[in-house]
């Protein structure tokens, strides 16, 4: 299972077997993702799944990283062969650092400044990082919650009665 789907608020549906799956990835510019999924059958007709994950993003420029913590929980109840009821909840906690494209210099202008070297002739003035667009604090935080209840009853002649509430 790709627990990266959790970042989009998606997860696998609970199954009738007990298992644990995991995700560990490392990407360009220091981006890392970790996650684990726990699937637990409580009864023959009732299963739950919990998927916590953590993503930590790197960046092209110093101090432009971000992180996201997420938790997804689902419960699946199948009281009869033709009936399925599912409840799901997602919580995410984002911590993003904005960056609006500070202009790069082709040489070090002020010898008293410790420029960030991005290449042999590409330098970033760290003071400009905080004066861009008049922003004093580049940190953005967001907490998002979502809950969905879904019911499905299969009827005769390939008809299905379905209702979703979120």
N, C-alpha and C. Protein backbone atom coordinates (compact mmCIF):
# COMPACT_ATOMS: atom_id res chain seq x y z
N UNK A 1 0.83 -1.18 0.00
CA UNK A 1 0.00 0.00 0.00
C UNK A 1 0.87 1.24 0.00
N UNK A 2 0.47 2.26 -0.72
CA UNK A 2 1.23 3.51 -0.75
C UNK A 2 0.62 4.46 0.25
N UNK A 3 1.26 4.60 1.38
CA UNK A 3 0.74 5.49 2.41
C UNK A 3 0.87 6.95 2.02
N UNK A 4 1.54 7.23 0.93
CA UNK A 4 1.59 8.59 0.41
C UNK A 4 0.20 9.08 0.03
N UNK A 5 -0.72 8.15 -0.26
CA UNK A 5 -2.09 8.54 -0.53
C UNK A 5 -2.71 9.22 0.67
N UNK A 6 -2.19 8.92 1.85
CA UNK A 6 -2.70 9.54 3.05
C UNK A 6 -2.57 11.05 3.00
N UNK A 7 -1.54 11.54 2.36
CA UNK A 7 -1.35 12.98 2.26
C UNK A 7 -2.50 13.63 1.50
N UNK A 8 -3.12 12.88 0.63
CA UNK A 8 -4.27 13.40 -0.09
C UNK A 8 -5.58 13.06 0.61
N UNK A 9 -5.50 12.50 1.79
CA UNK A 9 -6.70 12.16 2.54
C UNK A 9 -7.29 10.83 2.13
N UNK A 10 -6.49 9.99 1.48
CA UNK A 10 -6.98 8.69 1.04
C UNK A 10 -6.23 7.59 1.77
N UNK A 11 -6.84 6.44 1.88
CA UNK A 11 -6.19 5.29 2.48
C UNK A 11 -6.85 4.05 1.91
N UNK A 12 -6.22 2.93 2.17
CA UNK A 12 -6.85 1.68 1.77
C UNK A 12 -8.03 1.39 2.69
N UNK A 13 -9.00 0.68 2.16
CA UNK A 13 -10.15 0.27 2.96
C UNK A 13 -9.74 -0.85 3.91
N UNK A 14 -10.29 -0.88 5.12
CA UNK A 14 -9.96 -1.98 6.05
C UNK A 14 -10.29 -3.33 5.44
N UNK A 15 -9.47 -4.31 5.76
CA UNK A 15 -9.64 -5.68 5.25
C UNK A 15 -9.97 -6.61 6.42
N UNK A 16 -10.30 -7.86 6.12
CA UNK A 16 -10.67 -8.82 7.15
C UNK A 16 -9.47 -9.59 7.71
N UNK A 17 -8.26 -9.19 7.34
CA UNK A 17 -7.04 -9.83 7.81
C UNK A 17 -6.26 -8.86 8.69
N UNK A 18 -5.46 -9.42 9.62
CA UNK A 18 -4.60 -8.61 10.46
C UNK A 18 -3.26 -8.45 9.75
N UNK A 19 -2.80 -7.19 9.56
CA UNK A 19 -1.48 -6.97 8.98
C UNK A 19 -1.00 -5.55 9.25
N UNK A 20 0.29 -5.36 9.03
CA UNK A 20 0.94 -4.05 9.16
C UNK A 20 1.72 -3.82 7.87
N UNK A 21 1.59 -2.62 7.30
CA UNK A 21 2.43 -2.28 6.16
C UNK A 21 3.09 -0.94 6.44
N UNK A 22 4.15 -0.63 5.69
CA UNK A 22 4.91 0.58 5.99
C UNK A 22 5.43 1.23 4.73
N UNK A 23 5.86 2.48 4.88
CA UNK A 23 6.42 3.26 3.79
C UNK A 23 7.60 4.05 4.35
N UNK A 24 8.70 4.03 3.63
CA UNK A 24 9.87 4.82 3.97
C UNK A 24 10.47 5.27 2.65
N UNK A 25 10.58 6.60 2.44
CA UNK A 25 11.14 7.07 1.19
C UNK A 25 12.02 8.29 1.42
N UNK A 26 12.99 8.45 0.54
CA UNK A 26 13.88 9.59 0.55
C UNK A 26 13.94 10.11 -0.86
N UNK A 27 13.70 11.42 -1.04
CA UNK A 27 13.67 11.99 -2.38
C UNK A 27 14.66 13.12 -2.54
N UNK A 28 14.56 13.77 -3.68
CA UNK A 28 15.47 14.86 -3.98
C UNK A 28 15.27 16.03 -3.00
N UNK A 29 16.34 16.77 -2.78
CA UNK A 29 16.38 17.94 -1.90
C UNK A 29 16.00 17.61 -0.47
N UNK A 30 16.31 16.39 -0.04
CA UNK A 30 16.11 16.01 1.35
C UNK A 30 14.68 15.68 1.74
N UNK A 31 13.79 15.44 0.79
CA UNK A 31 12.40 15.12 1.13
C UNK A 31 12.33 13.68 1.66
N UNK A 32 11.71 13.51 2.81
CA UNK A 32 11.51 12.19 3.38
C UNK A 32 10.04 11.96 3.69
N UNK A 33 9.62 10.69 3.62
CA UNK A 33 8.26 10.31 3.99
C UNK A 33 8.33 9.00 4.76
N UNK A 34 7.59 8.94 5.84
CA UNK A 34 7.48 7.71 6.60
C UNK A 34 6.01 7.48 6.93
N UNK A 35 5.64 6.24 7.03
CA UNK A 35 4.26 5.92 7.38
C UNK A 35 4.14 4.46 7.75
N UNK A 36 3.09 4.17 8.47
CA UNK A 36 2.80 2.79 8.84
C UNK A 36 1.29 2.62 8.83
N UNK A 37 0.84 1.46 8.42
CA UNK A 37 -0.60 1.17 8.39
C UNK A 37 -0.89 -0.06 9.23
N UNK A 38 -1.89 0.05 10.08
CA UNK A 38 -2.31 -1.07 10.94
C UNK A 38 -3.72 -1.47 10.54
N UNK A 39 -3.91 -2.71 10.14
CA UNK A 39 -5.23 -3.23 9.81
C UNK A 39 -5.58 -4.31 10.83
N UNK A 40 -6.72 -4.13 11.53
CA UNK A 40 -7.09 -5.04 12.61
C UNK A 40 -8.55 -5.47 12.44
N UNK A 41 -8.82 -6.77 12.27
CA UNK A 41 -10.21 -7.24 12.28
C UNK A 41 -10.66 -7.39 13.74
N UNK A 42 -11.76 -6.72 14.09
CA UNK A 42 -12.28 -6.80 15.45
C UNK A 42 -13.27 -7.97 15.60
N UNK A 43 -14.04 -8.18 14.56
CA UNK A 43 -14.99 -9.32 14.50
C UNK A 43 -15.03 -9.78 13.05
N UNK A 44 -15.80 -10.80 12.80
CA UNK A 44 -15.95 -11.32 11.44
C UNK A 44 -16.48 -10.24 10.49
N UNK A 45 -17.32 -9.34 10.98
CA UNK A 45 -17.95 -8.34 10.14
C UNK A 45 -17.49 -6.91 10.42
N UNK A 46 -16.44 -6.73 11.22
CA UNK A 46 -15.99 -5.39 11.61
C UNK A 46 -14.46 -5.32 11.61
N UNK A 47 -13.92 -4.38 10.83
CA UNK A 47 -12.47 -4.17 10.74
C UNK A 47 -12.15 -2.69 10.85
N UNK A 48 -10.93 -2.40 11.35
CA UNK A 48 -10.47 -1.01 11.43
C UNK A 48 -9.07 -0.93 10.82
N UNK A 49 -8.75 0.27 10.37
CA UNK A 49 -7.44 0.55 9.81
C UNK A 49 -7.01 1.94 10.26
N UNK A 50 -5.74 2.05 10.70
CA UNK A 50 -5.19 3.34 11.12
C UNK A 50 -3.88 3.55 10.37
N UNK A 51 -3.72 4.74 9.78
CA UNK A 51 -2.54 5.07 8.97
C UNK A 51 -1.94 6.40 9.41
N UNK A 52 -0.96 6.40 10.31
CA UNK A 52 -0.24 7.64 10.60
C UNK A 52 0.92 7.80 9.60
N UNK A 53 1.23 9.06 9.22
CA UNK A 53 2.35 9.30 8.32
C UNK A 53 2.97 10.65 8.61
N UNK A 54 4.20 10.82 8.15
CA UNK A 54 4.94 12.05 8.34
C UNK A 54 5.75 12.32 7.09
N UNK A 55 5.67 13.54 6.56
CA UNK A 55 6.45 13.94 5.39
C UNK A 55 7.23 15.20 5.76
N UNK A 56 8.50 15.19 5.41
CA UNK A 56 9.36 16.34 5.69
C UNK A 56 10.02 16.72 4.38
N UNK A 57 9.67 17.90 3.85
CA UNK A 57 10.16 18.30 2.55
C UNK A 57 11.38 19.18 2.63
N UNK A 58 12.32 18.93 1.75
CA UNK A 58 13.49 19.78 1.64
C UNK A 58 13.18 20.97 0.76
N UNK A 59 14.18 21.59 0.22
CA UNK A 59 13.95 22.74 -0.65
C UNK A 59 15.21 23.16 -1.37
N UNK A 60 15.07 23.99 -2.38
CA UNK A 60 16.20 24.49 -3.14
C UNK A 60 17.01 25.49 -2.32
N UNK A 61 16.33 26.24 -1.47
CA UNK A 61 16.95 27.35 -0.74
C UNK A 61 16.88 27.05 0.75
N UNK A 62 17.88 27.49 1.48
CA UNK A 62 17.94 27.30 2.93
C UNK A 62 16.64 27.78 3.58
N UNK A 63 16.13 27.02 4.55
CA UNK A 63 14.93 27.34 5.35
C UNK A 63 13.65 27.34 4.53
N UNK A 64 13.54 26.55 3.48
CA UNK A 64 12.29 26.49 2.74
C UNK A 64 11.60 25.14 2.89
N UNK A 65 12.00 24.35 3.86
CA UNK A 65 11.40 23.04 4.05
C UNK A 65 9.97 23.13 4.57
N UNK A 66 9.28 22.01 4.56
CA UNK A 66 7.94 21.94 5.13
C UNK A 66 7.76 20.54 5.70
N UNK A 67 6.72 20.40 6.52
CA UNK A 67 6.42 19.10 7.08
C UNK A 67 4.91 18.91 7.12
N UNK A 68 4.51 17.65 7.12
CA UNK A 68 3.08 17.33 7.22
C UNK A 68 2.93 16.06 8.04
N UNK A 69 2.13 16.17 9.08
CA UNK A 69 1.76 15.00 9.88
C UNK A 69 0.31 14.68 9.52
N UNK A 70 0.02 13.41 9.38
CA UNK A 70 -1.34 13.03 9.00
C UNK A 70 -1.74 11.75 9.73
N UNK A 71 -3.03 11.64 10.02
CA UNK A 71 -3.58 10.44 10.65
C UNK A 71 -4.91 10.15 9.96
N UNK A 72 -5.06 8.91 9.53
CA UNK A 72 -6.27 8.49 8.86
C UNK A 72 -6.78 7.24 9.58
N UNK A 73 -8.04 7.24 9.94
CA UNK A 73 -8.64 6.07 10.56
C UNK A 73 -9.92 5.68 9.83
N UNK A 74 -10.13 4.38 9.65
CA UNK A 74 -11.34 3.90 8.99
C UNK A 74 -11.90 2.69 9.72
N UNK A 75 -13.21 2.58 9.64
CA UNK A 75 -13.90 1.42 10.20
C UNK A 75 -14.84 0.88 9.12
N UNK A 76 -14.83 -0.43 8.92
CA UNK A 76 -15.69 -1.07 7.93
C UNK A 76 -16.55 -2.11 8.62
N UNK A 77 -17.87 -1.97 8.44
CA UNK A 77 -18.83 -2.91 9.02
C UNK A 77 -19.62 -3.53 7.88
N UNK A 78 -19.63 -4.85 7.80
CA UNK A 78 -20.37 -5.58 6.77
C UNK A 78 -21.32 -6.56 7.46
N UNK A 79 -22.49 -6.06 7.93
CA UNK A 79 -23.40 -6.92 8.68
C UNK A 79 -24.01 -8.05 7.85
N UNK A 80 -24.09 -7.85 6.53
CA UNK A 80 -24.62 -8.88 5.62
C UNK A 80 -23.79 -8.88 4.34
N UNK A 81 -23.95 -9.91 3.56
CA UNK A 81 -23.20 -10.06 2.31
C UNK A 81 -23.40 -8.86 1.37
N UNK A 82 -24.60 -8.31 1.34
CA UNK A 82 -24.91 -7.23 0.40
C UNK A 82 -24.86 -5.83 1.03
N UNK A 83 -24.38 -5.71 2.26
CA UNK A 83 -24.35 -4.42 2.95
C UNK A 83 -22.94 -4.07 3.40
N UNK A 84 -22.60 -2.79 3.22
CA UNK A 84 -21.28 -2.32 3.63
C UNK A 84 -21.42 -0.89 4.15
N UNK A 85 -20.91 -0.64 5.36
CA UNK A 85 -20.94 0.70 5.96
C UNK A 85 -19.53 1.06 6.39
N UNK A 86 -19.11 2.25 6.02
CA UNK A 86 -17.74 2.66 6.31
C UNK A 86 -17.73 4.07 6.91
N UNK A 87 -16.92 4.25 7.94
CA UNK A 87 -16.68 5.56 8.53
C UNK A 87 -15.19 5.84 8.41
N UNK A 88 -14.84 7.06 8.02
CA UNK A 88 -13.43 7.42 7.86
C UNK A 88 -13.21 8.82 8.39
N UNK A 89 -12.05 9.04 8.99
CA UNK A 89 -11.68 10.36 9.48
C UNK A 89 -10.22 10.62 9.14
N UNK A 90 -9.92 11.86 8.75
CA UNK A 90 -8.57 12.26 8.39
C UNK A 90 -8.23 13.53 9.15
N UNK A 91 -7.02 13.57 9.70
CA UNK A 91 -6.50 14.77 10.35
C UNK A 91 -5.13 15.04 9.76
N UNK A 92 -4.88 16.29 9.32
CA UNK A 92 -3.56 16.67 8.84
C UNK A 92 -3.11 17.94 9.54
N UNK A 93 -1.82 18.03 9.72
CA UNK A 93 -1.20 19.16 10.39
C UNK A 93 -0.02 19.59 9.51
N UNK A 94 -0.19 20.70 8.79
CA UNK A 94 0.83 21.19 7.88
C UNK A 94 1.65 22.30 8.53
N UNK A 95 2.91 22.37 8.17
CA UNK A 95 3.80 23.43 8.61
C UNK A 95 4.63 23.80 7.39
N UNK A 96 4.23 24.85 6.68
CA UNK A 96 4.86 25.23 5.42
C UNK A 96 5.64 26.52 5.57
N UNK A 97 6.77 26.59 4.92
CA UNK A 97 7.56 27.82 4.88
C UNK A 97 7.47 28.37 3.46
N UNK A 98 6.93 29.56 3.36
CA UNK A 98 6.73 30.15 2.04
C UNK A 98 8.03 30.71 1.50
N UNK A 99 8.13 30.74 0.20
CA UNK A 99 9.28 31.31 -0.47
C UNK A 99 8.80 31.90 -1.79
N UNK A 100 9.09 33.16 -2.02
CA UNK A 100 8.55 33.85 -3.19
C UNK A 100 9.59 34.22 -4.24
N UNK A 101 10.67 33.47 -4.33
CA UNK A 101 11.63 33.69 -5.41
C UNK A 101 12.51 34.91 -5.23
N UNK A 102 13.29 34.94 -4.18
CA UNK A 102 14.23 36.03 -3.98
C UNK A 102 15.19 36.10 -5.17
N UNK A 103 15.46 37.29 -5.70
CA UNK A 103 16.37 37.40 -6.85
C UNK A 103 17.78 36.89 -6.52
N UNK A 104 18.36 36.22 -7.47
CA UNK A 104 19.72 35.71 -7.31
C UNK A 104 20.71 36.72 -7.88
N UNK A 105 21.89 36.78 -7.27
CA UNK A 105 22.95 37.67 -7.71
C UNK A 105 24.01 36.85 -8.43
N UNK A 106 24.70 37.47 -9.41
CA UNK A 106 25.75 36.74 -10.11
C UNK A 106 27.13 36.97 -9.49
N UNK A 107 27.18 37.78 -8.41
CA UNK A 107 28.42 37.98 -7.67
C UNK A 107 28.09 38.44 -6.26
N UNK A 108 29.05 38.30 -5.34
CA UNK A 108 28.87 38.77 -3.97
C UNK A 108 29.07 40.28 -3.96
N UNK A 109 28.05 41.03 -3.58
CA UNK A 109 28.07 42.48 -3.64
C UNK A 109 28.67 43.10 -2.38
N UNK A 110 28.28 42.61 -1.22
CA UNK A 110 28.72 43.17 0.06
C UNK A 110 29.63 42.15 0.75
N UNK A 111 30.90 42.46 0.97
CA UNK A 111 31.80 41.49 1.59
C UNK A 111 31.44 41.17 3.05
N UNK A 112 30.61 41.99 3.69
CA UNK A 112 30.22 41.74 5.08
C UNK A 112 29.08 40.73 5.21
N UNK A 113 28.47 40.32 4.09
CA UNK A 113 27.32 39.40 4.10
C UNK A 113 27.79 37.99 3.78
N UNK A 114 27.25 37.02 4.51
CA UNK A 114 27.54 35.61 4.26
C UNK A 114 26.49 35.09 3.28
N UNK A 115 26.75 35.24 1.99
CA UNK A 115 25.81 34.84 0.95
C UNK A 115 25.67 33.32 0.89
N UNK A 116 24.52 32.86 0.43
CA UNK A 116 24.28 31.44 0.21
C UNK A 116 24.65 31.15 -1.23
N UNK A 117 25.67 30.34 -1.44
CA UNK A 117 26.14 30.00 -2.78
C UNK A 117 25.28 28.87 -3.34
N UNK A 118 24.60 29.15 -4.44
CA UNK A 118 23.76 28.15 -5.09
C UNK A 118 24.45 27.56 -6.32
N UNK A 119 25.55 28.15 -6.70
CA UNK A 119 26.31 27.69 -7.85
C UNK A 119 27.57 28.55 -7.95
N UNK A 120 28.40 28.30 -8.96
CA UNK A 120 29.65 29.06 -9.07
C UNK A 120 29.42 30.56 -9.27
N UNK A 121 28.34 30.94 -9.91
CA UNK A 121 28.05 32.37 -10.12
C UNK A 121 26.59 32.68 -9.78
N UNK A 122 26.08 32.06 -8.72
CA UNK A 122 24.69 32.25 -8.32
C UNK A 122 24.64 32.34 -6.80
N UNK A 123 24.29 33.52 -6.29
CA UNK A 123 24.31 33.78 -4.85
C UNK A 123 22.98 34.35 -4.39
N UNK A 124 22.62 34.01 -3.17
CA UNK A 124 21.39 34.49 -2.56
C UNK A 124 21.74 35.30 -1.32
N UNK A 125 21.19 36.50 -1.21
CA UNK A 125 21.40 37.34 -0.03
C UNK A 125 20.41 36.89 1.04
N UNK A 126 20.87 36.34 2.17
CA UNK A 126 19.95 35.81 3.18
C UNK A 126 19.06 36.88 3.80
N UNK A 127 19.45 38.14 3.75
CA UNK A 127 18.62 39.22 4.31
C UNK A 127 17.35 39.43 3.49
N UNK A 128 17.42 39.16 2.19
CA UNK A 128 16.26 39.35 1.32
C UNK A 128 15.16 38.33 1.59
N UNK A 129 15.53 37.24 2.23
CA UNK A 129 14.56 36.18 2.54
C UNK A 129 13.41 36.68 3.40
N UNK A 130 13.66 37.68 4.23
CA UNK A 130 12.64 38.17 5.17
C UNK A 130 12.02 39.49 4.75
N UNK A 131 12.49 40.10 3.69
CA UNK A 131 11.90 41.36 3.24
C UNK A 131 11.04 41.18 2.01
N UNK A 132 11.03 40.01 1.44
CA UNK A 132 10.23 39.74 0.25
C UNK A 132 8.74 39.96 0.51
N UNK A 133 8.11 40.79 -0.28
CA UNK A 133 6.68 41.05 -0.22
C UNK A 133 6.22 41.54 1.17
N UNK A 134 7.12 42.07 1.96
CA UNK A 134 6.74 42.61 3.26
C UNK A 134 6.33 41.56 4.28
N UNK A 135 6.71 40.30 4.07
CA UNK A 135 6.33 39.24 4.99
C UNK A 135 7.36 39.17 6.12
N UNK A 136 6.90 39.29 7.36
CA UNK A 136 7.81 39.20 8.50
C UNK A 136 7.99 37.78 8.97
N UNK A 137 6.95 36.97 8.89
CA UNK A 137 7.02 35.59 9.34
C UNK A 137 6.63 34.69 8.17
N UNK A 138 7.55 33.86 7.70
CA UNK A 138 7.28 33.05 6.52
C UNK A 138 6.57 31.73 6.85
N UNK A 139 6.21 31.51 8.10
CA UNK A 139 5.64 30.24 8.51
C UNK A 139 4.12 30.23 8.36
N UNK A 140 3.60 29.21 7.73
CA UNK A 140 2.16 29.00 7.59
C UNK A 140 1.81 27.67 8.22
N UNK A 141 0.76 27.64 9.02
CA UNK A 141 0.33 26.39 9.64
C UNK A 141 -1.14 26.15 9.30
N UNK A 142 -1.47 24.89 9.12
CA UNK A 142 -2.86 24.54 8.82
C UNK A 142 -3.19 23.21 9.49
N UNK A 143 -4.39 23.14 10.04
CA UNK A 143 -4.91 21.90 10.62
C UNK A 143 -6.20 21.60 9.85
N UNK A 144 -6.27 20.41 9.29
CA UNK A 144 -7.44 20.04 8.49
C UNK A 144 -8.03 18.74 9.03
N UNK A 145 -9.34 18.72 9.12
CA UNK A 145 -10.07 17.54 9.57
C UNK A 145 -11.14 17.22 8.54
N UNK A 146 -11.41 15.94 8.39
CA UNK A 146 -12.47 15.53 7.48
C UNK A 146 -13.01 14.19 7.94
N UNK A 147 -14.32 14.05 7.90
CA UNK A 147 -14.95 12.78 8.25
C UNK A 147 -15.95 12.43 7.15
N UNK A 148 -16.03 11.14 6.83
CA UNK A 148 -16.93 10.66 5.78
C UNK A 148 -17.61 9.39 6.28
N UNK A 149 -18.92 9.33 6.06
CA UNK A 149 -19.70 8.12 6.37
C UNK A 149 -20.32 7.66 5.06
N UNK A 150 -20.14 6.38 4.77
CA UNK A 150 -20.58 5.85 3.49
C UNK A 150 -21.35 4.55 3.73
N UNK A 151 -22.52 4.45 3.12
CA UNK A 151 -23.32 3.23 3.22
C UNK A 151 -23.68 2.72 1.84
N UNK A 152 -23.64 1.39 1.68
CA UNK A 152 -23.93 0.80 0.38
C UNK A 152 -24.70 -0.50 0.58
N UNK A 153 -25.83 -0.62 -0.12
CA UNK A 153 -26.63 -1.83 -0.09
C UNK A 153 -26.85 -2.28 -1.54
N UNK A 154 -26.40 -3.48 -1.86
CA UNK A 154 -26.60 -4.03 -3.19
C UNK A 154 -27.98 -4.67 -3.26
N UNK A 155 -28.76 -4.26 -4.24
CA UNK A 155 -30.12 -4.76 -4.42
C UNK A 155 -30.16 -5.73 -5.60
N UNK A 156 -31.33 -6.27 -5.87
CA UNK A 156 -31.50 -7.19 -7.00
C UNK A 156 -31.35 -6.46 -8.32
N UNK A 157 -31.10 -7.20 -9.37
CA UNK A 157 -31.00 -6.70 -10.74
C UNK A 157 -29.87 -5.67 -10.90
N UNK A 158 -28.76 -5.87 -10.19
CA UNK A 158 -27.58 -5.00 -10.28
C UNK A 158 -27.82 -3.55 -9.85
N UNK A 159 -28.81 -3.33 -9.00
CA UNK A 159 -29.05 -2.01 -8.43
C UNK A 159 -28.26 -1.88 -7.13
N UNK A 160 -27.81 -0.65 -6.86
CA UNK A 160 -27.09 -0.39 -5.61
C UNK A 160 -27.64 0.91 -5.01
N UNK A 161 -27.94 0.83 -3.74
CA UNK A 161 -28.38 2.01 -2.99
C UNK A 161 -27.18 2.49 -2.19
N UNK A 162 -26.78 3.74 -2.43
CA UNK A 162 -25.58 4.26 -1.80
C UNK A 162 -25.82 5.68 -1.27
N UNK A 163 -25.25 5.94 -0.09
CA UNK A 163 -25.35 7.27 0.48
C UNK A 163 -24.01 7.64 1.12
N UNK A 164 -23.54 8.84 0.86
CA UNK A 164 -22.30 9.33 1.45
C UNK A 164 -22.59 10.64 2.15
N UNK A 165 -22.07 10.76 3.36
CA UNK A 165 -22.24 11.97 4.15
C UNK A 165 -20.86 12.40 4.63
N UNK A 166 -20.50 13.65 4.38
CA UNK A 166 -19.20 14.13 4.86
C UNK A 166 -19.34 15.51 5.47
